[in-house]
Amino acid sequence: MSNTGQDTPHAEERKLVDLIDGMPIAMMTTVDAEGRLRSVPMARQEVEPTADLWFITARDTQHVADVRARPQVGLTFSARDSWVALRGTATVVDDEAKLRELWNTFAEAWLPGGPEDPQAVLIHVEAEHGEYWDTPGGKVASLISFAKTKLTGDTYDADSGSVDL
């Protein structure tokens, strides 16, 4: 495990969760029946303190079929100055109470029948490993760090980490 910029694995977990919390859209990568990778954008509904995630989707989609057959997934998130990659085990969850708890207008745009819609289903991803790259200070700090790298030959100053969850 890399531990740049943090003191403990727990701090890296917190950093990972904090970064994801500000990134509402993930690319979820599943594996199809022929072993090919397939990625779709998914709106993250909730990040648990353990970095587990919840997504609302339609039951009859290819990614739901892929998750049911092969539950290992990859999730990637990006923002202007940070990136997160997770791998984990996904489960299709039929839970109308949890659907109601997580429901929002974004989900309604895809599933207008609301949480009671028979097509509405949840995907829960239990995160197993995560990596992040963060450039605190945004674009200006990145440009300064790039310039410093060019002038001094030192490596780029990005905060990164890898943690088993």
Protein backbone atom coordinates (compact mmCIF):
# COMPACT_ATOMS: atom_id res chain seq x y z
CA MET A 1 0.00 0.00 0.00
CA SER A 2 1.26 3.44 -0.91
CA ASN A 3 0.99 5.90 1.89
CA THR A 4 1.98 9.22 0.39
CA GLY A 5 0.59 12.20 2.21
CA GLN A 6 -1.28 10.21 4.87
CA ASP A 7 -0.29 8.69 8.21
CA THR A 8 -2.44 5.56 8.45
CA PRO A 9 -4.48 3.22 6.26
CA HIS A 10 -7.57 4.58 8.09
CA ALA A 11 -6.67 8.11 6.96
CA GLU A 12 -6.35 6.85 3.38
CA GLU A 13 -9.80 5.24 3.61
CA ARG A 14 -11.22 8.55 4.86
CA LYS A 15 -9.47 10.43 2.04
CA LEU A 16 -10.87 7.99 -0.54
CA VAL A 17 -14.43 8.31 0.82
CA ASP A 18 -14.14 12.11 1.00
CA LEU A 19 -13.00 12.27 -2.63
CA ILE A 20 -15.80 9.98 -3.85
CA ASP A 21 -18.36 11.97 -1.88
CA GLY A 22 -17.68 14.92 -4.20
CA MET A 23 -17.92 12.84 -7.38
CA PRO A 24 -21.53 11.94 -8.23
CA ILE A 25 -20.93 9.96 -11.44
CA ALA A 26 -18.91 6.76 -11.81
CA MET A 27 -18.07 4.66 -14.81
CA MET A 28 -19.07 1.13 -13.78
CA THR A 29 -17.15 -1.57 -15.62
CA THR A 30 -18.63 -5.05 -15.78
CA VAL A 31 -17.60 -8.19 -17.66
CA ASP A 32 -19.97 -9.63 -20.26
CA ALA A 33 -20.54 -13.31 -21.11
CA GLU A 34 -17.68 -13.25 -23.64
CA GLY A 35 -15.24 -11.80 -21.09
CA ARG A 36 -15.28 -8.30 -22.61
CA LEU A 37 -15.20 -5.23 -20.40
CA ARG A 38 -18.22 -2.94 -20.65
CA SER A 39 -18.47 0.48 -18.96
CA VAL A 40 -21.56 2.60 -18.32
CA PRO A 41 -22.00 5.88 -16.44
CA MET A 42 -23.87 5.46 -13.17
CA ALA A 43 -25.06 8.12 -10.69
CA ARG A 44 -23.79 7.31 -7.23
CA GLN A 45 -26.57 7.55 -4.66
CA GLU A 46 -24.70 7.03 -1.41
CA VAL A 47 -21.18 6.47 -0.16
CA GLU A 48 -20.98 4.56 3.09
CA PRO A 49 -18.08 5.23 5.49
CA THR A 50 -16.58 1.91 4.34
CA ALA A 51 -16.54 3.18 0.71
CA ASP A 52 -19.42 0.86 -0.20
CA LEU A 53 -21.67 2.45 -2.82
CA TRP A 54 -25.30 2.36 -3.92
CA PHE A 55 -26.68 2.92 -7.43
CA ILE A 56 -30.26 2.96 -8.77
CA THR A 57 -30.77 1.37 -12.16
CA ALA A 58 -33.27 -0.43 -14.38
CA ARG A 59 -33.64 -4.15 -13.84
CA ASP A 60 -33.53 -5.11 -17.55
CA THR A 61 -30.14 -3.53 -18.36
CA GLN A 62 -27.04 -5.34 -19.59
CA HIS A 63 -24.98 -4.22 -16.59
CA VAL A 64 -27.52 -5.78 -14.20
CA ALA A 65 -27.31 -9.07 -16.13
CA ASP A 66 -23.50 -8.84 -16.05
CA VAL A 67 -23.46 -8.18 -12.28
CA ARG A 68 -25.78 -11.13 -11.60
CA ALA A 69 -23.51 -13.47 -13.59
CA ARG A 70 -20.10 -11.98 -12.77
CA PRO A 71 -20.22 -9.68 -9.72
CA GLN A 72 -16.67 -8.26 -9.87
CA VAL A 73 -16.84 -4.63 -11.02
CA GLY A 74 -14.59 -1.63 -11.42
CA LEU A 75 -15.67 1.93 -10.66
CA THR A 76 -13.83 5.04 -11.78
CA PHE A 77 -14.58 8.59 -10.72
CA SER A 78 -13.04 11.84 -11.85
CA ALA A 79 -13.23 15.50 -11.01
CA ARG A 80 -11.30 18.53 -12.21
CA ASP A 81 -8.27 17.72 -10.03
CA SER A 82 -8.77 14.23 -8.58
CA TRP A 83 -9.44 10.67 -9.66
CA VAL A 84 -10.54 7.51 -7.86
CA ALA A 85 -10.56 3.88 -9.01
CA LEU A 86 -12.29 1.14 -7.01
CA ARG A 87 -12.78 -2.55 -7.48
CA GLY A 88 -15.35 -4.58 -5.63
CA THR A 89 -18.19 -7.04 -5.60
CA ALA A 90 -21.58 -5.87 -6.82
CA THR A 91 -24.95 -7.25 -5.80
CA VAL A 92 -28.36 -6.57 -7.31
CA VAL A 93 -30.63 -5.64 -4.41
CA ASP A 94 -34.45 -5.65 -4.42
CA ASP A 95 -35.31 -3.41 -1.50
CA GLU A 96 -38.16 -0.93 -1.99
CA ALA A 97 -37.50 0.77 1.37
CA LYS A 98 -33.86 1.43 0.43
CA LEU A 99 -34.99 2.60 -3.03
CA ARG A 100 -37.35 5.11 -1.37
CA GLU A 101 -34.55 6.26 0.95
CA LEU A 102 -32.15 6.88 -1.95
CA TRP A 103 -34.68 8.09 -4.54
CA ASN A 104 -34.11 11.50 -6.15
CA THR A 105 -35.17 13.46 -9.22
CA PHE A 106 -32.17 12.19 -11.18
CA ALA A 107 -33.36 8.60 -10.71
CA GLU A 108 -36.87 9.66 -11.65
CA ALA A 109 -35.61 10.92 -15.02
CA TRP A 110 -34.62 7.34 -15.88
CA LEU A 111 -37.37 5.52 -14.00
CA PRO A 112 -40.46 7.77 -13.99
CA GLY A 113 -42.53 5.20 -12.08
CA GLY A 114 -40.66 6.08 -8.89
CA PRO A 115 -39.25 3.63 -6.34
CA GLU A 116 -42.33 1.43 -6.76
CA ASP A 117 -41.54 0.95 -10.48
CA PRO A 118 -41.05 -2.80 -11.06
CA GLN A 119 -38.03 -1.92 -13.23
CA ALA A 120 -36.28 -0.02 -10.40
CA VAL A 121 -33.55 -1.97 -8.66
CA LEU A 122 -30.42 -1.20 -6.66
CA ILE A 123 -26.82 -2.18 -7.22
CA HIS A 124 -24.73 -2.28 -4.05
CA VAL A 125 -20.96 -2.37 -4.51
CA GLU A 126 -18.87 -3.61 -1.63
CA ALA A 127 -15.54 -1.94 -2.29
CA GLU A 128 -12.48 -4.14 -1.81
CA HIS A 129 -9.62 -1.94 -3.02
CA GLY A 130 -9.26 1.69 -4.00
CA GLU A 131 -6.68 4.03 -5.42
CA TYR A 132 -6.78 7.80 -5.67
CA TRP A 133 -4.83 10.65 -7.16
CA ASP A 134 -5.47 14.14 -5.89
CA THR A 135 -3.90 17.46 -6.77
CA PRO A 136 -4.86 19.71 -3.85
CA GLY A 137 -5.11 23.34 -4.84
CA GLY A 138 -6.51 22.59 -8.27
CA LYS A 139 -5.18 23.84 -11.57
CA VAL A 140 -2.78 26.50 -10.26
CA ALA A 141 -1.10 24.06 -7.84
CA SER A 142 -0.84 21.50 -10.65
CA LEU A 143 0.79 24.02 -12.99
CA ILE A 144 3.28 25.05 -10.29
CA SER A 145 4.09 21.40 -9.57
CA PHE A 146 4.54 20.64 -13.29
CA ALA A 147 6.86 23.67 -13.63
CA LYS A 148 8.84 22.56 -10.55
CA THR A 149 9.17 19.07 -12.05
CA LYS A 150 10.52 20.51 -15.31
CA LEU A 151 12.98 22.82 -13.55
CA THR A 152 14.26 20.48 -10.84
CA GLY A 153 13.71 17.00 -12.26
CA ASP A 154 11.79 16.05 -9.10
CA THR A 155 8.59 14.05 -9.45
CA TYR A 156 5.15 15.60 -9.70
CA ASP A 157 3.61 16.55 -6.32
CA ALA A 158 0.30 14.72 -6.31
CA ASP A 159 -1.30 13.14 -3.29
CA SER A 160 -1.97 9.49 -4.06
CA GLY A 161 -2.80 6.38 -2.16
CA SER A 162 -3.87 2.78 -2.42
CA VAL A 163 -5.93 1.05 0.23
CA ASP A 164 -7.57 -2.32 0.75
CA LEU A 165 -11.08 -1.75 2.08
